[in-house]
C-alpha cells in the first residue's frame, strides 16, 4: 500500500536528519530503505534528502524543499596550485600531463632548492599527488595559447649508398645504448637559394639522449666536424649511426671514418621517414620548436644557434621526460599503443647496464649543479637574440615567423 503525500513528507523530514549526518556507506543503506518506503525514484530520493526544508510561510505548500546554500564540493586544486603548476609546466617546456606528473616531485625539489618557486605545505602536497588528467584540465587554458610546418630538402646521395646496408625502423636493438639516428634540418626560411644554416640532429635510440649542432651548409666537411663534436660530448661510446640517403652522410669520408672507428653505419630506405622515426620526431620537438622556421645564413646566427644548442642539450636531456613505445597492436581499424613510464634520458642512462659507474657519477654530479628554470631563461634569451637578428636582417613580419616561445611563469 502506497503512502499519501502528507505521510511521505513526514518520513522525509525524519530521514533527512540521519541521511545528512551519515557516512557515504550509511547513506546508501538509508537511501535503499527510503526508496522502498516512499516508492520514490532513487535519484529523486537522493536529491530530496540532500535538501533542507523551506521555512513555513503562507505561500509555501507543506513539504516544499529548497537547495542547500553553497551546495557542491569545494575545488581541491585551487588557483594557487594551478599557478604553481603552470610555472613548473612552462619551465619543463610544456609537456603533456603524463610526462609532467612523472617528474613533478623531483622538479619541485629542484626549483625550491634554487629558490625559483616558493610553495606552502598544502600546495606542495597537492602537487605531489595530482593526477595526469587533472594536470591536463588545469593547464587546458594555457595550452590554447600556443600552436606551429615542416619542410624537407634532402637530396639522394650517389651510387655509393649501395655500399651501405639498409636498416628499417624495426631493425635496431633499442636496448643497447650508443646507436644513433642522425638527420639534417634546414633553416632556409622558405627560400632555398644559396647557402643557409643546417642543424645536425642526433638521437640515441635506447635512451632518447638528444644532441644538436648547427653548421654553415650541407657540405660534407661541416657535417663530419659537427658529428665529431657531438661524439665528444656523448656520455656513452658511439657504436652505430643511421642516416637518410643525403649526400652529406653518404660519402667516402664518413664511411672510412666509421670503418676505422669500428662504428656500424646504416641508412634508411629512400622516402621512408618512419625508418628514422626516433630522430624525425626530434626534428620538431628539439629543433623547429626552439628555433622556428626563419632563414639563418650568417656567421652571427650560426654562433647563436650553437650557443642555444649548448644550453638546450642540458635542459632536454636532464629534465624533459619522454615515453617510449612498448607495444603496438591492431584490432581492425584501431591501433592500440602502450608506453612505458615517462623518464628523462638522464634517468634512462643511470639505469642502463651499458653505462659504467664513472659515467654515472659524472652525470649525477652534473645534474646536481643544474637549475631547470635558469636553463629555460637562458634558452628564451638566446631564442630572442636569434629571432631579432633574423627579423632585422630579412624584414620578416613578427606574426608570421615567431618561434614557439613560452615565457610566462619562468621569471
Protein backbone atom coordinates (compact mmCIF):
# COMPACT_ATOMS: atom_id res chain seq x y z
CA UNK A 1 0.00 0.00 0.00
CA UNK A 2 1.49 3.34 -1.09
CA UNK A 3 1.79 6.27 1.33
CA UNK A 4 -0.10 9.50 0.89
CA UNK A 5 1.79 12.77 0.34
CA UNK A 6 1.50 14.01 3.94
CA UNK A 7 3.00 10.77 5.26
CA UNK A 8 5.82 10.92 2.73
CA UNK A 9 6.64 14.47 3.84
CA UNK A 10 6.81 13.40 7.50
CA UNK A 11 9.01 10.40 6.66
CA UNK A 12 11.26 12.60 4.58
CA UNK A 13 11.78 15.08 7.43
CA UNK A 14 12.72 12.27 9.80
CA UNK A 15 15.13 10.56 7.40
CA UNK A 16 16.74 13.81 6.22
CA UNK A 17 18.47 14.44 9.54
CA UNK A 18 20.01 10.96 9.67
CA UNK A 19 20.94 10.98 5.97
CA UNK A 20 22.81 14.30 6.05
CA UNK A 21 24.91 13.23 9.06
CA UNK A 22 25.63 9.71 7.84
CA UNK A 23 28.79 8.41 6.16
CA UNK A 24 28.85 7.53 2.49
CA UNK A 25 28.30 3.84 3.16
CA UNK A 26 25.43 4.51 5.58
CA UNK A 27 23.81 6.92 3.11
CA UNK A 28 23.49 4.11 0.59
CA UNK A 29 21.69 1.88 3.10
CA UNK A 30 19.40 4.73 4.26
CA UNK A 31 18.60 5.57 0.64
CA UNK A 32 17.60 1.95 -0.07
CA UNK A 33 15.19 1.93 2.88
CA UNK A 34 13.79 5.36 1.99
CA UNK A 35 13.10 4.35 -1.65
CA UNK A 36 11.39 1.14 -0.51
CA UNK A 37 9.17 3.09 1.91
CA UNK A 38 8.22 6.09 -0.24
CA UNK A 39 8.47 4.42 -3.68
CA UNK A 40 10.46 7.41 -4.92
CA UNK A 41 12.88 7.15 -7.84
CA UNK A 42 16.37 6.72 -6.37
CA UNK A 43 17.85 9.86 -7.94
CA UNK A 44 14.88 11.97 -6.87
CA UNK A 45 15.03 10.48 -3.37
CA UNK A 46 18.72 11.35 -3.01
CA UNK A 47 18.03 14.91 -4.17
CA UNK A 48 15.16 15.27 -1.73
CA UNK A 49 17.24 14.03 1.22
CA UNK A 50 20.09 16.41 0.40
CA UNK A 51 17.83 19.48 0.56
CA UNK A 52 16.78 21.48 3.58
CA UNK A 53 13.08 22.05 4.31
CA UNK A 54 11.92 25.56 3.49
CA UNK A 55 10.57 27.60 6.40
CA UNK A 56 6.80 27.62 6.55
CA UNK A 57 5.10 30.63 5.01
CA UNK A 58 1.72 31.41 3.61
CA UNK A 59 2.84 30.70 0.03
CA UNK A 60 4.85 27.51 0.58
CA UNK A 61 2.98 24.21 0.40
CA UNK A 62 3.70 21.60 3.08
CA UNK A 63 6.78 19.55 2.33
CA UNK A 64 8.28 22.05 -0.16
CA UNK A 65 12.09 21.97 -0.39
CA UNK A 66 14.90 24.27 -1.47
CA UNK A 67 18.52 23.61 -2.37
CA UNK A 68 21.25 23.93 0.26
CA UNK A 69 23.18 27.17 0.14
CA UNK A 70 26.71 26.69 -1.07
CA UNK A 71 25.88 23.23 -2.30
CA UNK A 72 28.65 21.41 -4.13
CA UNK A 73 32.15 20.25 -3.42
CA UNK A 74 34.86 22.82 -2.96
CA UNK A 75 37.67 22.56 -5.51
CA UNK A 76 40.62 20.54 -4.24
CA UNK A 77 43.14 22.12 -6.61
CA UNK A 78 42.79 25.85 -6.01
CA UNK A 79 44.15 28.74 -8.03
CA UNK A 80 47.41 28.67 -6.03
CA UNK A 81 48.00 25.09 -7.16
CA UNK A 82 47.16 25.98 -10.76
CA UNK A 83 49.58 28.93 -10.78
CA UNK A 84 52.41 26.80 -9.38
CA UNK A 85 51.63 24.03 -11.88
CA UNK A 86 51.65 26.48 -14.80
CA UNK A 87 55.07 27.80 -13.77
CA UNK A 88 56.58 24.32 -13.48
CA UNK A 89 54.90 23.30 -16.76
CA UNK A 90 56.48 26.30 -18.52
CA UNK A 91 59.91 25.53 -17.03
CA UNK A 92 59.67 21.96 -18.38
CA UNK A 93 58.75 23.19 -21.89
CA UNK A 94 55.02 22.43 -21.69
CA UNK A 95 54.86 18.61 -21.60
CA UNK A 96 51.67 16.56 -21.54
CA UNK A 97 50.12 15.61 -18.19
CA UNK A 98 51.63 12.10 -18.09
CA UNK A 99 55.17 13.31 -18.68
CA UNK A 100 54.72 16.27 -16.35
CA UNK A 101 53.42 14.26 -13.39
CA UNK A 102 56.23 11.70 -13.76
CA UNK A 103 58.92 14.29 -12.93
CA UNK A 104 56.86 16.73 -10.87
CA UNK A 105 58.10 15.69 -7.37
CA UNK A 106 61.77 15.84 -8.40
CA UNK A 107 61.34 19.12 -10.30
CA UNK A 108 59.57 20.77 -7.34
CA UNK A 109 62.51 19.87 -5.09
CA UNK A 110 64.96 21.16 -7.68
CA UNK A 111 63.20 24.51 -8.14
CA UNK A 112 62.81 25.01 -4.38
CA UNK A 113 66.50 24.22 -3.91
CA UNK A 114 67.44 27.07 -6.27
CA UNK A 115 64.70 29.37 -4.81
CA UNK A 116 62.84 29.52 -8.13
CA UNK A 117 59.46 28.87 -6.50
CA UNK A 118 58.04 29.24 -3.00
CA UNK A 119 55.24 26.84 -2.07
CA UNK A 120 53.13 26.35 1.02
CA UNK A 121 52.96 22.86 2.51
CA UNK A 122 49.39 22.49 1.27
CA UNK A 123 50.22 23.41 -2.35
CA UNK A 124 53.31 21.19 -2.32
CA UNK A 125 51.34 18.20 -1.04
CA UNK A 126 48.70 18.66 -3.72
CA UNK A 127 51.31 18.89 -6.48
CA UNK A 128 52.84 15.63 -5.27
CA UNK A 129 49.51 13.79 -5.54
CA UNK A 130 47.97 15.41 -8.64
CA UNK A 131 46.96 13.03 -11.44
CA UNK A 132 47.86 13.41 -15.11
CA UNK A 133 44.25 14.04 -16.18
CA UNK A 134 43.77 16.71 -13.50
CA UNK A 135 47.00 18.42 -14.54
CA UNK A 136 45.81 18.48 -18.16
CA UNK A 137 42.47 20.02 -17.10
CA UNK A 138 44.20 22.74 -15.06
CA UNK A 139 46.56 23.51 -17.96
CA UNK A 140 43.94 23.39 -20.73
CA UNK A 141 43.58 27.18 -20.87
CA UNK A 142 47.35 27.69 -21.16
CA UNK A 143 47.72 25.15 -23.97
CA UNK A 144 45.30 27.04 -26.20
CA UNK A 145 47.70 29.99 -26.33
CA UNK A 146 50.37 28.11 -28.26
CA UNK A 147 50.43 26.15 -31.72
CA UNK A 148 53.32 25.53 -35.25
CA UNK A 149 55.05 23.10 -40.65
CA UNK A 150 57.69 21.03 -41.93
CA UNK A 151 59.92 21.27 -44.94
CA UNK A 152 62.48 18.75 -46.16
CA UNK A 153 65.02 19.28 -48.96
CA UNK A 154 67.21 16.17 -48.64
CA UNK A 155 68.65 15.09 -51.97
CA UNK A 156 69.53 11.45 -52.69
CA UNK A 157 73.19 10.52 -52.39
CA UNK A 158 75.32 8.94 -55.12
CA UNK A 159 75.58 5.28 -56.05
CA UNK A 160 77.87 4.96 -53.05
CA UNK A 161 74.75 4.39 -50.93
CA UNK A 162 74.54 0.82 -52.23
CA UNK A 163 77.66 0.04 -50.18
CA UNK A 164 75.78 0.96 -47.00
CA UNK A 165 73.26 -1.57 -45.67
CA UNK A 166 69.60 -0.56 -45.37
CA UNK A 167 68.00 -0.56 -41.93
CA UNK A 168 64.28 -0.24 -41.22
CA UNK A 169 62.67 1.12 -38.07
CA UNK A 170 62.27 -2.43 -36.72
CA UNK A 171 65.93 -3.47 -37.01
CA UNK A 172 67.55 -1.58 -34.13
CA UNK A 173 68.29 -3.22 -30.80
CA UNK A 174 66.76 -0.34 -28.85
CA UNK A 175 68.01 -1.75 -25.52
CA UNK A 176 71.67 -1.05 -26.36
CA UNK A 177 72.91 2.49 -25.70
CA UNK A 178 75.12 4.03 -28.39
CA UNK A 179 73.18 3.51 -31.63
CA UNK A 180 72.23 6.91 -33.07
CA UNK A 181 69.90 8.19 -35.75
CA UNK A 182 71.12 11.38 -37.44
CA UNK A 183 69.46 13.92 -39.72
CA UNK A 184 69.89 17.48 -41.00
CA UNK A 185 67.25 20.19 -40.57
CA UNK A 186 67.49 23.12 -42.98
CA UNK A 187 66.90 26.74 -41.98
CA UNK A 188 66.09 28.28 -45.37
CA UNK A 189 63.04 30.24 -44.23
CA UNK A 190 61.16 29.27 -47.41
CA UNK A 191 63.96 30.50 -49.70
CA UNK A 192 66.14 27.53 -50.74
CA UNK A 193 68.58 29.61 -52.80
CA UNK A 194 72.21 29.96 -51.74
CA UNK A 195 73.79 28.66 -48.54
CA UNK A 196 71.95 28.63 -45.24
CA UNK A 197 72.47 27.04 -41.84
CA UNK A 198 71.65 23.43 -41.11
CA UNK A 199 71.12 21.71 -37.76
CA UNK A 200 72.60 18.25 -37.30
CA UNK A 201 70.11 16.39 -35.10
CA UNK A 202 71.31 13.24 -33.30
CA UNK A 203 69.20 10.89 -31.16
CA UNK A 204 70.19 7.78 -29.23
CA UNK A 205 67.55 5.11 -29.84
CA UNK A 206 67.78 3.39 -26.45
CA UNK A 207 67.95 6.33 -24.04
CA UNK A 208 66.50 9.19 -26.10
CA UNK A 209 69.64 11.29 -25.48
CA UNK A 210 69.45 14.14 -27.99
CA UNK A 211 72.15 16.49 -29.34
CA UNK A 212 72.17 19.23 -31.97
CA UNK A 213 74.91 21.18 -33.74
CA UNK A 214 74.47 23.98 -36.28
CA UNK A 215 76.65 24.08 -39.42
CA UNK A 216 77.13 26.58 -42.29
CA UNK A 217 75.64 24.39 -45.01
CA UNK A 218 75.27 20.74 -46.03
CA UNK A 219 78.90 20.33 -47.08
CA UNK A 220 80.43 17.01 -46.02
CA UNK A 221 83.24 18.82 -44.19
CA UNK A 222 80.95 20.70 -41.80
CA UNK A 223 78.66 17.71 -41.28
CA UNK A 224 81.60 15.50 -40.32
CA UNK A 225 83.04 18.13 -37.94
CA UNK A 226 79.68 18.55 -36.20
CA UNK A 227 79.31 14.78 -35.82
CA UNK A 228 82.77 14.53 -34.24
CA UNK A 229 81.93 17.39 -31.85
CA UNK A 230 78.72 15.66 -30.79
CA UNK A 231 80.56 12.36 -30.34
CA UNK A 232 82.98 14.04 -27.88
CA UNK A 233 80.05 15.25 -25.75
CA UNK A 234 78.13 11.98 -25.64
CA UNK A 235 78.17 10.34 -22.18
CA UNK A 236 78.45 6.90 -23.79
CA UNK A 237 80.54 5.35 -26.61
CA UNK A 238 79.27 5.71 -30.17
CA UNK A 239 78.50 2.24 -31.55
CA UNK A 240 76.43 2.94 -34.66
CA UNK A 241 74.82 5.65 -36.75
CA UNK A 242 71.87 5.53 -39.10
CA UNK A 243 71.17 8.29 -41.63
CA UNK A 244 68.94 9.11 -44.56
CA UNK A 245 70.22 8.94 -48.16
CA UNK A 246 71.52 12.50 -48.39
CA UNK A 247 74.98 13.08 -49.87
CA UNK A 248 76.06 14.91 -46.71
CA UNK A 249 76.08 11.49 -45.00
CA UNK A 250 76.57 9.04 -47.87
CA UNK A 251 80.20 9.82 -48.70
CA UNK A 252 83.57 8.07 -48.61
CA UNK A 253 84.86 10.34 -45.83
CA UNK A 254 82.20 9.24 -43.33
CA UNK A 255 82.30 5.59 -44.46
CA UNK A 256 86.08 5.41 -43.98
CA UNK A 257 85.78 7.09 -40.59
CA UNK A 258 83.15 4.59 -39.39
CA UNK A 259 85.22 1.65 -40.62
CA UNK A 260 88.35 2.95 -38.88
CA UNK A 261 86.50 3.61 -35.60
CA UNK A 262 84.50 0.34 -35.81
CA UNK A 263 81.17 2.19 -35.91
CA UNK A 264 78.20 0.50 -37.56
CA UNK A 265 76.89 2.68 -40.41
CA UNK A 266 73.44 2.05 -41.91
CA UNK A 267 70.87 4.03 -43.85
CA UNK A 268 67.08 4.09 -44.13
CA UNK A 269 65.07 3.34 -47.24
CA UNK A 270 64.55 6.31 -49.61
CA UNK A 271 61.36 8.29 -48.92
CA UNK A 272 60.52 6.22 -45.81
CA UNK A 273 60.73 8.66 -42.93
CA UNK A 274 59.48 6.08 -40.45
CA UNK A 275 62.80 4.25 -40.83
CA UNK A 276 64.29 7.17 -38.88
CA UNK A 277 61.30 7.76 -36.63
CA UNK A 278 63.33 8.45 -33.48
CA UNK A 279 65.21 11.41 -34.91
CA UNK A 280 62.38 12.61 -37.17
CA UNK A 281 60.18 13.41 -34.18
CA UNK A 282 63.09 15.32 -32.60
CA UNK A 283 63.40 17.46 -35.71
CA UNK A 284 60.28 19.24 -34.50
CA UNK A 285 60.38 18.94 -30.71
CA UNK A 286 64.08 19.79 -30.35
CA UNK A 287 64.85 21.93 -33.43
CA UNK A 288 61.79 23.51 -35.05
CA UNK A 289 60.04 24.18 -31.78
CA UNK A 290 63.08 26.01 -30.42
CA UNK A 291 64.40 27.92 -33.45
CA UNK A 292 61.30 28.23 -35.64
CA UNK A 293 61.17 28.43 -39.45
CA UNK A 294 63.16 31.59 -40.21
CA UNK A 295 66.15 31.77 -42.54
CA UNK A 296 69.53 31.67 -40.78
CA UNK A 297 72.53 32.16 -43.07
CA UNK A 298 75.06 34.44 -41.32
CA UNK A 299 78.03 33.61 -39.09
CA UNK A 300 76.42 35.54 -36.24
CA UNK A 301 73.25 33.48 -36.45
CA UNK A 302 75.31 30.29 -36.64
CA UNK A 303 77.09 31.26 -33.44
CA UNK A 304 73.82 31.97 -31.60
CA UNK A 305 72.33 28.69 -32.83
CA UNK A 306 75.21 26.72 -31.33
CA UNK A 307 75.05 28.71 -28.08
CA UNK A 308 71.37 27.80 -27.91
CA UNK A 309 72.04 24.11 -28.59
CA UNK A 310 74.75 24.06 -25.86
CA UNK A 311 72.13 25.03 -23.29
CA UNK A 312 69.29 23.06 -24.86
CA UNK A 313 71.18 19.74 -24.63
CA UNK A 314 71.39 20.07 -20.84
CA UNK A 315 67.79 21.17 -20.48
CA UNK A 316 66.16 18.47 -22.59
CA UNK A 317 68.40 15.53 -21.61
CA UNK A 318 68.34 16.12 -17.86
CA UNK A 319 64.85 17.49 -17.27
CA UNK A 320 62.40 16.69 -20.08
CA UNK A 321 60.77 13.24 -19.68
CA UNK A 322 59.99 11.00 -22.64
CA UNK A 323 57.73 7.99 -23.13
CA UNK A 324 58.91 5.03 -25.22
CA UNK A 325 56.56 2.83 -27.19
CA UNK A 326 56.48 -0.69 -25.69
CA UNK A 327 53.76 -2.37 -27.71
CA UNK A 328 51.51 -1.61 -30.69
CA UNK A 329 48.60 -3.86 -31.60
CA UNK A 330 45.99 -3.52 -34.32
CA UNK A 331 42.36 -4.54 -33.81
CA UNK A 332 40.54 -4.00 -37.05
CA UNK A 333 40.87 -0.31 -37.89
CA UNK A 334 42.03 0.63 -34.41
CA UNK A 335 45.67 0.73 -33.30
CA UNK A 336 46.39 0.47 -29.58
CA UNK A 337 49.72 1.74 -28.27
CA UNK A 338 51.24 1.08 -24.87
CA UNK A 339 54.04 3.27 -23.50
CA UNK A 340 56.45 2.91 -20.60
CA UNK A 341 56.67 5.24 -17.62
CA UNK A 342 57.94 8.73 -18.60
CA UNK A 343 61.67 9.16 -17.85
CA UNK A 344 64.33 11.67 -18.83
CA UNK A 345 67.28 10.47 -20.96
CA UNK A 346 69.45 11.09 -17.90
CA UNK A 347 67.31 8.72 -15.81
CA UNK A 348 67.40 6.05 -18.52
CA UNK A 349 71.21 6.24 -18.70
CA UNK A 350 71.55 5.83 -14.93
CA UNK A 351 69.63 2.55 -15.13
CA UNK A 352 71.31 1.29 -18.29
CA UNK A 353 73.80 -1.60 -17.91
CA UNK A 354 75.78 -0.12 -20.83
CA UNK A 355 76.85 2.92 -18.75
CA UNK A 356 79.78 2.44 -16.35
CA UNK A 357 79.88 3.68 -12.75
CA UNK A 358 82.32 6.52 -13.50
CA UNK A 359 79.97 7.94 -16.15
CA UNK A 360 77.03 7.66 -13.74
CA UNK A 361 78.94 9.64 -11.10
CA UNK A 362 79.81 12.36 -13.63
CA UNK A 363 76.18 12.60 -14.77
CA UNK A 364 74.89 12.82 -11.17
CA UNK A 365 77.45 15.49 -10.33
CA UNK A 366 76.47 17.49 -13.42
CA UNK A 367 72.76 17.10 -12.68
CA UNK A 368 73.19 18.40 -9.11
CA UNK A 369 74.54 21.72 -10.44
CA UNK A 370 71.78 22.32 -13.00
CA UNK A 371 68.77 24.58 -12.43
CA UNK A 372 65.97 23.93 -14.96
CA UNK A 373 64.41 27.39 -14.51
CA UNK A 374 67.75 29.10 -15.15
CA UNK A 375 68.34 26.95 -18.24
CA UNK A 376 64.88 27.86 -19.53
CA UNK A 377 65.58 31.59 -19.06
CA UNK A 378 68.86 31.28 -20.95
CA UNK A 379 67.13 29.42 -23.77
CA UNK A 380 64.48 32.15 -24.05
CA UNK A 381 67.12 34.89 -24.17
CA UNK A 382 69.06 33.09 -26.91
CA UNK A 383 65.86 32.47 -28.87
CA UNK A 384 65.07 36.17 -28.64
CA UNK A 385 68.57 37.12 -29.86
CA UNK A 386 68.31 34.68 -32.77
CA UNK A 387 64.84 35.86 -33.76
CA UNK A 388 65.75 39.56 -33.65
CA UNK A 389 68.80 39.01 -35.86
CA UNK A 390 66.74 37.17 -38.47
CA UNK A 391 63.95 39.75 -38.43
CA UNK A 392 66.25 42.78 -38.64
CA UNK A 393 68.22 41.13 -41.43
CA UNK A 394 65.30 39.97 -43.58
CA UNK A 395 62.41 42.24 -42.59
CA UNK A 396 60.20 39.28 -41.70
CA UNK A 397 56.92 40.14 -40.07
CA UNK A 398 56.91 39.11 -36.45
CA UNK A 399 53.49 37.48 -36.54
CA UNK A 400 54.37 35.20 -39.45
CA UNK A 401 57.57 33.59 -38.24
CA UNK A 402 57.89 33.89 -34.45
CA UNK A 403 59.28 30.73 -32.83
CA UNK A 404 57.19 28.89 -30.25
CA UNK A 405 58.31 30.60 -27.04
CA UNK A 406 56.75 30.12 -23.62
CA UNK A 407 57.89 32.94 -21.36
CA UNK A 408 55.07 33.13 -18.85
CA UNK A 409 55.84 31.83 -15.42
CA UNK A 410 59.61 31.44 -15.89
CA UNK A 411 60.75 34.71 -14.41
